[in-house]
Amino acid sequence: MTSSRNPRSAPTRHSREDVADAALDILNSFGLADLTMRRLAQSLDVQPSALYWHYENKQSLLAHLADLIVEVPLSETSPGADRVRARCLALRERLLAYRDGAEVVASTLALGLGAEAPGTDLTAALVDAGTDPETAARVAGVLLHFILGQVSHEQQRAQAGSLGAAAPTGTPESESAEFDFGIDLILGGLATLR
């Protein structure tokens, strides 16, 4: 049996971005549970050991993916609570754009490996809205945990529904309304502290 590959040909070189793009494709197609270094290497037609040139281990790959997932383009919005709300909505959209996006980001944050940008950005927006820095950091943490939890539930319900494992429990409109209510509740609670 002969191989279709020429053993003397130079191996294909992939950049760190190529590896991350392939990993995001696998994440979106199969989910976090099936994003393995072996599957990733197969998709790039390399040996698994070649991936470690770009990423020390799978956790460092997931940390980079989390940073890419939460990379929300900054847009100028009105100051104050409107800016905070806009940043929360933008983060929700980014997390929902990737299958298991909330799980990837939550696990990375829990291990302290990355995805700090949303917390930093929310803290800055809260400070700009008149909240003292210490309280702003705490509220940003609460908002971030709420967003990750809410989106994680949305993604789990959607996946269970697509597999027929559970009946759909809501519409995109009801999910959005639930999210808005939670953000309003947190920001309303902050207003009572001032």
N, C-alpha and C. Protein backbone atom coordinates (compact mmCIF):
# COMPACT_ATOMS: atom_id res chain seq x y z
N MET A 1 0.85 -1.17 0.00
CA MET A 1 0.00 0.00 0.00
C MET A 1 0.90 1.23 0.00
N THR A 2 0.62 2.16 -0.88
CA THR A 2 1.43 3.36 -0.95
C THR A 2 0.65 4.54 -0.39
N SER A 3 1.40 5.44 0.17
CA SER A 3 0.79 6.63 0.75
C SER A 3 0.65 7.70 -0.32
N SER A 4 -0.41 8.47 -0.24
CA SER A 4 -0.62 9.56 -1.18
C SER A 4 0.27 10.75 -0.85
N ARG A 5 0.87 10.73 0.31
CA ARG A 5 1.76 11.82 0.71
C ARG A 5 3.19 11.46 0.37
N ASN A 6 3.91 12.41 -0.14
CA ASN A 6 5.31 12.22 -0.44
C ASN A 6 6.10 12.40 0.85
N PRO A 7 6.79 11.35 1.31
CA PRO A 7 7.50 11.45 2.59
C PRO A 7 8.64 12.48 2.54
N ARG A 8 9.06 12.85 1.35
CA ARG A 8 10.15 13.82 1.25
C ARG A 8 9.65 15.26 1.16
N SER A 9 8.36 15.43 1.01
CA SER A 9 7.83 16.79 0.92
C SER A 9 7.88 17.45 2.29
N ALA A 10 8.02 18.75 2.27
CA ALA A 10 8.09 19.51 3.53
C ALA A 10 6.75 19.45 4.25
N PRO A 11 6.78 19.32 5.57
CA PRO A 11 5.52 19.30 6.32
C PRO A 11 4.81 20.65 6.21
N THR A 12 3.50 20.60 6.30
CA THR A 12 2.73 21.83 6.26
C THR A 12 2.95 22.58 7.56
N ARG A 13 3.26 23.85 7.44
CA ARG A 13 3.46 24.68 8.63
C ARG A 13 2.17 25.44 8.90
N HIS A 14 1.77 25.41 10.14
CA HIS A 14 0.57 26.13 10.54
C HIS A 14 0.95 27.18 11.57
N SER A 15 0.30 28.31 11.48
CA SER A 15 0.54 29.36 12.46
C SER A 15 -0.32 29.11 13.69
N ARG A 16 -0.06 29.85 14.73
CA ARG A 16 -0.87 29.78 15.95
C ARG A 16 -2.33 30.10 15.63
N GLU A 17 -2.53 31.07 14.73
CA GLU A 17 -3.89 31.45 14.33
C GLU A 17 -4.58 30.31 13.58
N ASP A 18 -3.83 29.59 12.73
CA ASP A 18 -4.41 28.45 12.01
C ASP A 18 -4.91 27.40 13.01
N VAL A 19 -4.10 27.14 14.02
CA VAL A 19 -4.47 26.15 15.02
C VAL A 19 -5.70 26.61 15.78
N ALA A 20 -5.73 27.88 16.18
CA ALA A 20 -6.89 28.41 16.90
C ALA A 20 -8.15 28.38 16.04
N ASP A 21 -8.02 28.74 14.77
CA ASP A 21 -9.19 28.70 13.87
C ASP A 21 -9.72 27.28 13.72
N ALA A 22 -8.82 26.32 13.58
CA ALA A 22 -9.24 24.92 13.45
C ALA A 22 -9.91 24.45 14.75
N ALA A 23 -9.38 24.88 15.88
CA ALA A 23 -9.96 24.50 17.17
C ALA A 23 -11.36 25.10 17.32
N LEU A 24 -11.54 26.35 16.90
CA LEU A 24 -12.87 26.97 16.96
C LEU A 24 -13.85 26.26 16.02
N ASP A 25 -13.38 25.82 14.87
CA ASP A 25 -14.24 25.06 13.96
C ASP A 25 -14.71 23.76 14.61
N ILE A 26 -13.78 23.06 15.27
CA ILE A 26 -14.15 21.81 15.95
C ILE A 26 -15.12 22.11 17.09
N LEU A 27 -14.83 23.15 17.85
CA LEU A 27 -15.72 23.54 18.95
C LEU A 27 -17.13 23.78 18.44
N ASN A 28 -17.26 24.54 17.35
CA ASN A 28 -18.58 24.84 16.81
C ASN A 28 -19.27 23.64 16.19
N SER A 29 -18.49 22.73 15.63
CA SER A 29 -19.08 21.55 14.97
C SER A 29 -19.43 20.43 15.94
N PHE A 30 -18.57 20.22 16.93
CA PHE A 30 -18.72 19.04 17.78
C PHE A 30 -18.89 19.35 19.27
N GLY A 31 -18.52 20.54 19.71
CA GLY A 31 -18.63 20.89 21.12
C GLY A 31 -17.32 20.70 21.86
N LEU A 32 -17.29 21.24 23.06
CA LEU A 32 -16.08 21.23 23.88
C LEU A 32 -15.62 19.81 24.21
N ALA A 33 -16.54 18.92 24.49
CA ALA A 33 -16.16 17.56 24.87
C ALA A 33 -15.38 16.85 23.77
N ASP A 34 -15.62 17.21 22.53
CA ASP A 34 -14.95 16.56 21.41
C ASP A 34 -13.78 17.36 20.86
N LEU A 35 -13.43 18.44 21.51
CA LEU A 35 -12.26 19.21 21.10
C LEU A 35 -11.04 18.61 21.79
N THR A 36 -10.43 17.65 21.12
CA THR A 36 -9.23 17.00 21.67
C THR A 36 -8.03 17.40 20.82
N MET A 37 -6.86 17.30 21.41
CA MET A 37 -5.64 17.62 20.68
C MET A 37 -5.47 16.64 19.50
N ARG A 38 -5.87 15.41 19.69
CA ARG A 38 -5.77 14.42 18.60
C ARG A 38 -6.67 14.82 17.43
N ARG A 39 -7.91 15.17 17.73
CA ARG A 39 -8.84 15.57 16.66
C ARG A 39 -8.34 16.84 15.97
N LEU A 40 -7.84 17.78 16.76
CA LEU A 40 -7.31 19.01 16.21
C LEU A 40 -6.13 18.73 15.28
N ALA A 41 -5.23 17.87 15.71
CA ALA A 41 -4.08 17.52 14.89
C ALA A 41 -4.53 16.86 13.58
N GLN A 42 -5.52 15.96 13.67
CA GLN A 42 -6.04 15.32 12.46
C GLN A 42 -6.61 16.35 11.49
N SER A 43 -7.33 17.33 12.00
CA SER A 43 -7.94 18.32 11.13
C SER A 43 -6.89 19.17 10.42
N LEU A 44 -5.72 19.30 11.03
CA LEU A 44 -4.62 20.08 10.44
C LEU A 44 -3.62 19.20 9.69
N ASP A 45 -3.87 17.90 9.72
CA ASP A 45 -2.99 16.92 9.07
C ASP A 45 -1.56 16.99 9.61
N VAL A 46 -1.47 17.03 10.95
CA VAL A 46 -0.17 17.02 11.62
C VAL A 46 -0.22 16.02 12.77
N GLN A 47 0.92 15.73 13.34
CA GLN A 47 0.98 14.89 14.53
C GLN A 47 0.57 15.73 15.74
N PRO A 48 -0.07 15.13 16.74
CA PRO A 48 -0.46 15.91 17.93
C PRO A 48 0.71 16.67 18.56
N SER A 49 1.88 16.10 18.52
CA SER A 49 3.04 16.77 19.13
C SER A 49 3.34 18.11 18.46
N ALA A 50 2.95 18.28 17.19
CA ALA A 50 3.20 19.54 16.48
C ALA A 50 2.40 20.69 17.10
N LEU A 51 1.28 20.38 17.72
CA LEU A 51 0.46 21.43 18.32
C LEU A 51 1.14 22.08 19.52
N TYR A 52 2.01 21.32 20.16
CA TYR A 52 2.66 21.82 21.37
C TYR A 52 3.74 22.86 21.05
N TRP A 53 4.01 23.06 19.77
CA TRP A 53 4.89 24.14 19.36
C TRP A 53 4.19 25.48 19.61
N HIS A 54 2.87 25.48 19.44
CA HIS A 54 2.07 26.70 19.59
C HIS A 54 1.42 26.83 20.97
N TYR A 55 1.07 25.70 21.57
CA TYR A 55 0.36 25.72 22.86
C TYR A 55 1.02 24.69 23.78
N GLU A 56 1.32 25.12 24.98
CA GLU A 56 1.99 24.25 25.94
C GLU A 56 1.16 23.01 26.27
N ASN A 57 -0.17 23.21 26.36
CA ASN A 57 -1.07 22.11 26.68
C ASN A 57 -2.49 22.51 26.24
N LYS A 58 -3.43 21.63 26.47
CA LYS A 58 -4.80 21.92 26.03
C LYS A 58 -5.37 23.11 26.79
N GLN A 59 -5.03 23.27 28.05
CA GLN A 59 -5.56 24.40 28.82
C GLN A 59 -5.08 25.73 28.26
N SER A 60 -3.83 25.78 27.79
CA SER A 60 -3.36 27.04 27.19
C SER A 60 -4.05 27.30 25.86
N LEU A 61 -4.39 26.24 25.12
CA LEU A 61 -5.18 26.41 23.90
C LEU A 61 -6.57 26.95 24.25
N LEU A 62 -7.22 26.34 25.25
CA LEU A 62 -8.55 26.80 25.65
C LEU A 62 -8.52 28.24 26.17
N ALA A 63 -7.45 28.62 26.86
CA ALA A 63 -7.32 29.99 27.34
C ALA A 63 -7.26 30.96 26.16
N HIS A 64 -6.51 30.58 25.13
CA HIS A 64 -6.44 31.45 23.94
C HIS A 64 -7.80 31.51 23.25
N LEU A 65 -8.49 30.38 23.15
CA LEU A 65 -9.83 30.38 22.55
C LEU A 65 -10.78 31.26 23.35
N ALA A 66 -10.69 31.18 24.67
CA ALA A 66 -11.55 32.02 25.51
C ALA A 66 -11.28 33.49 25.25
N ASP A 67 -10.01 33.86 25.11
CA ASP A 67 -9.69 35.25 24.81
C ASP A 67 -10.27 35.67 23.46
N LEU A 68 -10.24 34.77 22.48
CA LEU A 68 -10.82 35.08 21.17
C LEU A 68 -12.34 35.20 21.26
N ILE A 69 -12.94 34.32 22.03
CA ILE A 69 -14.41 34.33 22.16
C ILE A 69 -14.89 35.63 22.79
N VAL A 70 -14.21 36.10 23.82
CA VAL A 70 -14.69 37.29 24.54
C VAL A 70 -14.19 38.59 23.94
N GLU A 71 -13.48 38.51 22.84
CA GLU A 71 -12.95 39.70 22.19
C GLU A 71 -14.10 40.48 21.57
N VAL A 72 -14.61 41.42 22.33
CA VAL A 72 -15.75 42.22 21.89
C VAL A 72 -15.22 43.53 21.32
N PRO A 73 -15.52 43.81 20.06
CA PRO A 73 -15.06 45.08 19.51
C PRO A 73 -15.62 46.25 20.31
N LEU A 74 -14.75 47.18 20.65
CA LEU A 74 -15.19 48.34 21.41
C LEU A 74 -15.91 49.31 20.49
N SER A 75 -17.07 49.72 20.92
CA SER A 75 -17.82 50.73 20.17
C SER A 75 -18.21 51.82 21.15
N GLU A 76 -18.24 52.99 20.66
CA GLU A 76 -18.61 54.11 21.51
C GLU A 76 -20.11 54.07 21.77
N THR A 77 -20.46 54.05 23.01
CA THR A 77 -21.87 54.11 23.40
C THR A 77 -22.01 55.21 24.44
N SER A 78 -23.22 55.51 24.79
CA SER A 78 -23.40 56.54 25.80
C SER A 78 -22.77 56.09 27.11
N PRO A 79 -22.31 57.06 27.89
CA PRO A 79 -21.70 56.72 29.17
C PRO A 79 -22.75 56.21 30.15
N GLY A 80 -22.27 55.78 31.29
CA GLY A 80 -23.16 55.37 32.36
C GLY A 80 -23.66 53.95 32.20
N ALA A 81 -24.85 53.74 32.76
CA ALA A 81 -25.43 52.40 32.78
C ALA A 81 -25.69 51.89 31.37
N ASP A 82 -25.95 52.78 30.41
CA ASP A 82 -26.17 52.33 29.04
C ASP A 82 -24.93 51.66 28.46
N ARG A 83 -23.76 52.20 28.79
CA ARG A 83 -22.51 51.58 28.31
C ARG A 83 -22.32 50.21 28.96
N VAL A 84 -22.60 50.12 30.25
CA VAL A 84 -22.46 48.85 30.95
C VAL A 84 -23.41 47.83 30.32
N ARG A 85 -24.63 48.21 30.10
CA ARG A 85 -25.63 47.32 29.51
C ARG A 85 -25.20 46.88 28.11
N ALA A 86 -24.70 47.82 27.31
CA ALA A 86 -24.25 47.50 25.95
C ALA A 86 -23.11 46.50 25.97
N ARG A 87 -22.20 46.65 26.92
CA ARG A 87 -21.07 45.71 27.02
C ARG A 87 -21.56 44.33 27.44
N CYS A 88 -22.54 44.27 28.33
CA CYS A 88 -23.11 42.98 28.74
C CYS A 88 -23.78 42.29 27.57
N LEU A 89 -24.56 43.03 26.80
CA LEU A 89 -25.25 42.46 25.64
C LEU A 89 -24.26 41.99 24.59
N ALA A 90 -23.19 42.76 24.36
CA ALA A 90 -22.18 42.37 23.38
C ALA A 90 -21.47 41.10 23.81
N LEU A 91 -21.19 40.98 25.10
CA LEU A 91 -20.53 39.78 25.60
C LEU A 91 -21.45 38.57 25.44
N ARG A 92 -22.72 38.73 25.75
CA ARG A 92 -23.67 37.64 25.58
C ARG A 92 -23.69 37.16 24.13
N GLU A 93 -23.74 38.10 23.20
CA GLU A 93 -23.76 37.74 21.78
C GLU A 93 -22.50 36.97 21.38
N ARG A 94 -21.34 37.41 21.88
CA ARG A 94 -20.09 36.72 21.56
C ARG A 94 -20.10 35.29 22.10
N LEU A 95 -20.56 35.12 23.33
CA LEU A 95 -20.59 33.79 23.93
C LEU A 95 -21.55 32.88 23.17
N LEU A 96 -22.70 33.42 22.77
CA LEU A 96 -23.68 32.63 22.04
C LEU A 96 -23.22 32.29 20.62
N ALA A 97 -22.26 33.04 20.11
CA ALA A 97 -21.77 32.81 18.74
C ALA A 97 -20.93 31.55 18.63
N TYR A 98 -20.51 31.00 19.76
CA TYR A 98 -19.66 29.81 19.76
C TYR A 98 -20.32 28.71 20.58
N ARG A 99 -20.42 27.54 20.01
CA ARG A 99 -20.96 26.41 20.75
C ARG A 99 -20.12 26.20 22.01
N ASP A 100 -20.76 26.08 23.13
CA ASP A 100 -20.10 25.91 24.43
C ASP A 100 -19.18 27.08 24.78
N GLY A 101 -19.46 28.25 24.18
CA GLY A 101 -18.62 29.43 24.43
C GLY A 101 -18.57 29.81 25.90
N ALA A 102 -19.71 29.78 26.57
CA ALA A 102 -19.73 30.14 27.99
C ALA A 102 -18.93 29.15 28.83
N GLU A 103 -19.01 27.88 28.48
CA GLU A 103 -18.26 26.87 29.24
C GLU A 103 -16.76 27.04 29.07
N VAL A 104 -16.32 27.33 27.86
CA VAL A 104 -14.89 27.55 27.61
C VAL A 104 -14.40 28.74 28.43
N VAL A 105 -15.14 29.83 28.38
CA VAL A 105 -14.72 31.05 29.08
C VAL A 105 -14.80 30.86 30.59
N ALA A 106 -15.86 30.24 31.08
CA ALA A 106 -16.00 30.04 32.53
C ALA A 106 -14.88 29.17 33.08
N SER A 107 -14.53 28.10 32.38
CA SER A 107 -13.47 27.22 32.89
C SER A 107 -12.11 27.93 32.85
N THR A 108 -11.89 28.75 31.84
CA THR A 108 -10.64 29.50 31.75
C THR A 108 -10.53 30.52 32.87
N LEU A 109 -11.63 31.23 33.12
CA LEU A 109 -11.64 32.21 34.22
C LEU A 109 -11.44 31.52 35.57
N ALA A 110 -12.11 30.39 35.75
CA ALA A 110 -12.01 29.68 37.03
C ALA A 110 -10.57 29.27 37.34
N LEU A 111 -9.82 28.95 36.29
CA LEU A 111 -8.43 28.53 36.47
C LEU A 111 -7.45 29.70 36.42
N GLY A 112 -7.97 30.90 36.19
CA GLY A 112 -7.11 32.08 36.13
C GLY A 112 -6.16 32.09 34.95
N LEU A 113 -6.62 31.53 33.83
CA LEU A 113 -5.73 31.40 32.67
C LEU A 113 -5.98 32.42 31.57
N GLY A 114 -7.03 33.21 31.67
CA GLY A 114 -7.30 34.17 30.61
C GLY A 114 -8.71 34.70 30.68
N ALA A 115 -9.11 35.34 29.59
CA ALA A 115 -10.46 35.90 29.43
C ALA A 115 -10.77 36.98 30.47
N GLU A 116 -9.75 37.76 30.84
CA GLU A 116 -9.97 38.83 31.82
C GLU A 116 -10.56 40.09 31.21
N ALA A 117 -10.48 40.24 29.89
CA ALA A 117 -10.89 41.48 29.23
C ALA A 117 -12.31 41.93 29.59
N PRO A 118 -13.31 41.04 29.58
CA PRO A 118 -14.66 41.52 29.91
C PRO A 118 -14.78 42.08 31.32
N GLY A 119 -14.14 41.46 32.28
CA GLY A 119 -14.20 41.97 33.65
C GLY A 119 -13.53 43.33 33.77
N THR A 120 -12.40 43.48 33.12
CA THR A 120 -11.69 44.76 33.12
C THR A 120 -12.53 45.84 32.44
N ASP A 121 -13.12 45.48 31.30
CA ASP A 121 -13.94 46.44 30.55
C ASP A 121 -15.19 46.84 31.33
N LEU A 122 -15.86 45.85 31.94
CA LEU A 122 -17.05 46.16 32.73
C LEU A 122 -16.70 47.03 33.93
N THR A 123 -15.57 46.75 34.57
CA THR A 123 -15.14 47.57 35.70
C THR A 123 -14.93 49.01 35.27
N ALA A 124 -14.24 49.20 34.13
CA ALA A 124 -13.99 50.55 33.62
C ALA A 124 -15.30 51.27 33.30
N ALA A 125 -16.24 50.55 32.69
CA ALA A 125 -17.53 51.16 32.35
C ALA A 125 -18.29 51.57 33.61
N LEU A 126 -18.23 50.74 34.64
CA LEU A 126 -18.90 51.06 35.90
C LEU A 126 -18.25 52.26 36.59
N VAL A 127 -16.93 52.32 36.55
CA VAL A 127 -16.23 53.47 37.14
C VAL A 127 -16.61 54.74 36.38
N ASP A 128 -16.65 54.65 35.05
CA ASP A 128 -17.06 55.81 34.24
C ASP A 128 -18.48 56.24 34.56
N ALA A 129 -19.30 55.28 35.01
CA ALA A 129 -20.69 55.59 35.35
C ALA A 129 -20.82 56.14 36.77
N GLY A 130 -19.69 56.27 37.48
CA GLY A 130 -19.73 56.89 38.80
C GLY A 130 -19.58 55.93 39.97
N THR A 131 -19.28 54.67 39.72
CA THR A 131 -19.10 53.69 40.80
C THR A 131 -17.64 53.72 41.25
N ASP A 132 -17.41 53.64 42.55
CA ASP A 132 -16.03 53.62 43.03
C ASP A 132 -15.34 52.36 42.52
N PRO A 133 -14.02 52.40 42.32
CA PRO A 133 -13.31 51.28 41.70
C PRO A 133 -13.47 49.92 42.41
N GLU A 134 -13.46 49.93 43.73
CA GLU A 134 -13.59 48.65 44.45
C GLU A 134 -14.97 48.04 44.22
N THR A 135 -16.01 48.85 44.36
CA THR A 135 -17.37 48.35 44.13
C THR A 135 -17.54 47.97 42.66
N ALA A 136 -16.97 48.76 41.75
CA ALA A 136 -17.08 48.47 40.32
C ALA A 136 -16.49 47.09 40.00
N ALA A 137 -15.35 46.78 40.58
CA ALA A 137 -14.72 45.47 40.34
C ALA A 137 -15.60 44.34 40.85
N ARG A 138 -16.22 44.54 42.01
CA ARG A 138 -17.10 43.50 42.57
C ARG A 138 -18.35 43.33 41.72
N VAL A 139 -18.96 44.44 41.29
CA VAL A 139 -20.17 44.37 40.47
C VAL A 139 -19.84 43.77 39.11
N ALA A 140 -18.68 44.11 38.56
CA ALA A 140 -18.27 43.52 37.28
C ALA A 140 -18.17 42.00 37.42
N GLY A 141 -17.66 41.54 38.54
CA GLY A 141 -17.58 40.08 38.77
C GLY A 141 -18.96 39.45 38.84
N VAL A 142 -19.89 40.12 39.51
CA VAL A 142 -21.27 39.62 39.59
C VAL A 142 -21.90 39.57 38.21
N LEU A 143 -21.73 40.65 37.44
CA LEU A 143 -22.28 40.69 36.08
C LEU A 143 -21.68 39.58 35.22
N LEU A 144 -20.38 39.41 35.31
CA LEU A 144 -19.71 38.38 34.51
C LEU A 144 -20.20 36.99 34.87
N HIS A 145 -20.34 36.71 36.16
CA HIS A 145 -20.86 35.40 36.57
C HIS A 145 -22.30 35.20 36.12
N PHE A 146 -23.10 36.24 36.21
CA PHE A 146 -24.48 36.14 35.73
C PHE A 146 -24.50 35.86 34.23
N ILE A 147 -23.73 36.60 33.45
CA ILE A 147 -23.72 36.43 32.00
C ILE A 147 -23.27 35.02 31.64
N LEU A 148 -22.19 34.56 32.24
CA LEU A 148 -21.69 33.22 31.93
C LEU A 148 -22.70 32.14 32.31
N GLY A 149 -23.33 32.29 33.48
CA GLY A 149 -24.33 31.31 33.91
C GLY A 149 -25.55 31.32 33.02
N GLN A 150 -26.05 32.50 32.70
CA GLN A 150 -27.24 32.61 31.86
C GLN A 150 -26.99 32.02 30.47
N VAL A 151 -25.86 32.39 29.86
CA VAL A 151 -25.55 31.89 28.51
C VAL A 151 -25.29 30.39 28.55
N SER A 152 -24.64 29.92 29.58
CA SER A 152 -24.39 28.48 29.71
C SER A 152 -25.72 27.71 29.73
N HIS A 153 -26.69 28.21 30.48
CA HIS A 153 -28.00 27.57 30.53
C HIS A 153 -28.68 27.62 29.17
N GLU A 154 -28.59 28.76 28.49
CA GLU A 154 -29.18 28.88 27.16
C GLU A 154 -28.56 27.86 26.21
N GLN A 155 -27.24 27.74 26.25
CA GLN A 155 -26.55 26.82 25.35
C GLN A 155 -26.86 25.37 25.70
N GLN A 156 -26.94 25.04 26.97
CA GLN A 156 -27.28 23.67 27.37
C GLN A 156 -28.70 23.31 26.96
N ARG A 157 -29.64 24.24 27.17
CA ARG A 157 -31.03 23.98 26.78
C ARG A 157 -31.14 23.81 25.27
N ALA A 158 -30.45 24.64 24.51
CA ALA A 158 -30.50 24.55 23.05
C ALA A 158 -29.92 23.22 22.58
N GLN A 159 -28.81 22.82 23.17
CA GLN A 159 -28.18 21.56 22.77
C GLN A 159 -29.07 20.37 23.14
N ALA A 160 -29.64 20.38 24.32
CA ALA A 160 -30.53 19.29 24.73
C ALA A 160 -31.75 19.24 23.83
N GLY A 161 -32.27 20.41 23.46
CA GLY A 161 -33.42 20.45 22.56
C GLY A 161 -33.09 19.92 21.18
N SER A 162 -31.89 20.25 20.67
CA SER A 162 -31.51 19.79 19.34
C SER A 162 -31.29 18.28 19.30
N LEU A 163 -30.97 17.70 20.45
CA LEU A 163 -30.77 16.25 20.53
C LEU A 163 -32.06 15.51 20.88
N GLY A 164 -33.12 16.26 21.14
CA GLY A 164 -34.38 15.64 21.52
C GLY A 164 -34.39 15.16 22.96
N ALA A 165 -33.40 15.59 23.73
CA ALA A 165 -33.30 15.15 25.13
C ALA A 165 -34.20 15.97 26.05
N ALA A 166 -34.66 17.10 25.58
CA ALA A 166 -35.52 17.95 26.40
C ALA A 166 -36.38 18.79 25.47
N ALA A 167 -37.54 19.12 25.97
CA ALA A 167 -38.43 19.99 25.20
C ALA A 167 -37.90 21.41 25.30
N PRO A 168 -38.02 22.17 24.23
CA PRO A 168 -37.58 23.57 24.29
C PRO A 168 -38.31 24.30 25.42
N THR A 169 -37.56 25.11 26.17
CA THR A 169 -38.16 25.81 27.31
C THR A 169 -38.36 27.29 27.07
N GLY A 170 -37.88 27.78 25.96
CA GLY A 170 -38.04 29.20 25.71
C GLY A 170 -37.72 29.55 24.27
N THR A 171 -38.03 30.77 23.94
CA THR A 171 -37.73 31.30 22.62
C THR A 171 -36.55 32.24 22.74
N PRO A 172 -35.92 32.60 21.63
CA PRO A 172 -34.84 33.59 21.73
C PRO A 172 -35.32 34.89 22.38
N GLU A 173 -36.56 35.25 22.13
CA GLU A 173 -37.09 36.48 22.74
C GLU A 173 -37.22 36.35 24.25
N SER A 174 -37.70 35.18 24.71
CA SER A 174 -37.85 35.00 26.15
C SER A 174 -36.48 34.88 26.83
N GLU A 175 -35.53 34.26 26.15
CA GLU A 175 -34.17 34.17 26.70
C GLU A 175 -33.58 35.57 26.83
N SER A 176 -33.79 36.39 25.80
CA SER A 176 -33.28 37.76 25.82
C SER A 176 -33.95 38.58 26.92
N ALA A 177 -35.25 38.40 27.09
CA ALA A 177 -35.97 39.12 28.14
C ALA A 177 -35.47 38.71 29.52
N GLU A 178 -35.21 37.42 29.71
CA GLU A 178 -34.68 36.92 30.98
C GLU A 178 -33.31 37.53 31.26
N PHE A 179 -32.48 37.60 30.23
CA PHE A 179 -31.16 38.18 30.36
C PHE A 179 -31.26 39.66 30.73
N ASP A 180 -32.09 40.40 30.02
CA ASP A 180 -32.27 41.83 30.29
C ASP A 180 -32.75 42.06 31.72
N PHE A 181 -33.68 41.22 32.18
CA PHE A 181 -34.19 41.34 33.54
C PHE A 181 -33.05 41.18 34.55
N GLY A 182 -32.21 40.18 34.35
CA GLY A 182 -31.09 39.96 35.26
C GLY A 182 -30.12 41.12 35.30
N ILE A 183 -29.79 41.66 34.13
CA ILE A 183 -28.88 42.82 34.09
C ILE A 183 -29.52 44.01 34.79
N ASP A 184 -30.82 44.25 34.52
CA ASP A 184 -31.53 45.36 35.18
C ASP A 184 -31.55 45.17 36.69
N LEU A 185 -31.74 43.95 37.13
CA LEU A 185 -31.78 43.66 38.57
C LEU A 185 -30.44 43.98 39.23
N ILE A 186 -29.36 43.56 38.59
CA ILE A 186 -28.04 43.82 39.16
C ILE A 186 -27.74 45.32 39.16
N LEU A 187 -27.97 45.97 38.04
CA LEU A 187 -27.69 47.41 37.96
C LEU A 187 -28.63 48.22 38.86
N GLY A 188 -29.85 47.76 39.02
CA GLY A 188 -30.79 48.41 39.94
C GLY A 188 -30.32 48.26 41.37
N GLY A 189 -29.81 47.08 41.72
CA GLY A 189 -29.26 46.88 43.06
C GLY A 189 -28.05 47.77 43.32
N LEU A 190 -27.22 47.94 42.29
CA LEU A 190 -26.06 48.84 42.43
C LEU A 190 -26.52 50.27 42.69
N ALA A 191 -27.57 50.68 42.01
CA ALA A 191 -28.08 52.05 42.18
C ALA A 191 -28.50 52.31 43.62
N THR A 192 -29.00 51.30 44.32
CA THR A 192 -29.44 51.48 45.71
C THR A 192 -28.24 51.62 46.66
N LEU A 193 -27.05 51.18 46.22
CA LEU A 193 -25.86 51.29 47.06
C LEU A 193 -25.26 52.69 47.05
N ARG A 194 -25.60 53.45 46.04
CA ARG A 194 -24.98 54.79 45.89
C ARG A 194 -25.60 55.80 46.81
